[in-house]
Amino acid sequence: RGFHLYDALSQCREHLLGFGGHAYAAGLSIDDSRTVAFAEAFEMAAAAVLSSDDLVPRLAHDGEVLLEELDLETVGKLADLSPFGMGNPEPVFIVTAVRVQQPTVVGSDHLRFTARQDGYSLPCIAFGMADRLAELSGEMDILCSPAINEWKGRESVQLKVKDIRPSN
């Protein structure tokens, strides 16, 4: 956010054979002999607009929820908002101060665990996060998308974890 790709390419047009796109996606054609000059010009265009703070990755969410609020009916209503994609992102929530129970690596690089908060618990899957197993101690905040999991004809709520951090 805060960096318009098309505008930046437009500032570097003298190095390009052609380009097109919009704020968040763009394409270009360039002669091999112009790549170094283009890279320098593009970095200058970016530096003129972006601060070092702009380069820190951020994860957005739609609000904070309690585990007790994520029942089948509520999560089903969220699923009714699909299909999710660029113009209609999947709802993402933060759940604070959960206790992680029974963390396990599944497959080659995924985590499965149970999140517990004030007497309520939900199963969680964290794709590609097996390397973060050691972080799961104490109270945690989880960034997640609630989903309905169907297994052997039964439906249940499962949280698809996007990120984790220690609670403050």
Foldseek 3Di string as FASTA:
>chain_A
DFAAVVVLCVQLVVQFPDKDDTGPDIDTHGDPVSVVVSVVSSVVSCVVGDDVVNVDDDDDADEADELVVDWPVVLVVLVVQDDADDVRHAHKHKYWFWAWADWDADDPAKIWTWTHDPHDIAIEIEPRHNVCVVVRHGTKMFIWGWHWDADPNDTTIYTHTDDMDHHD
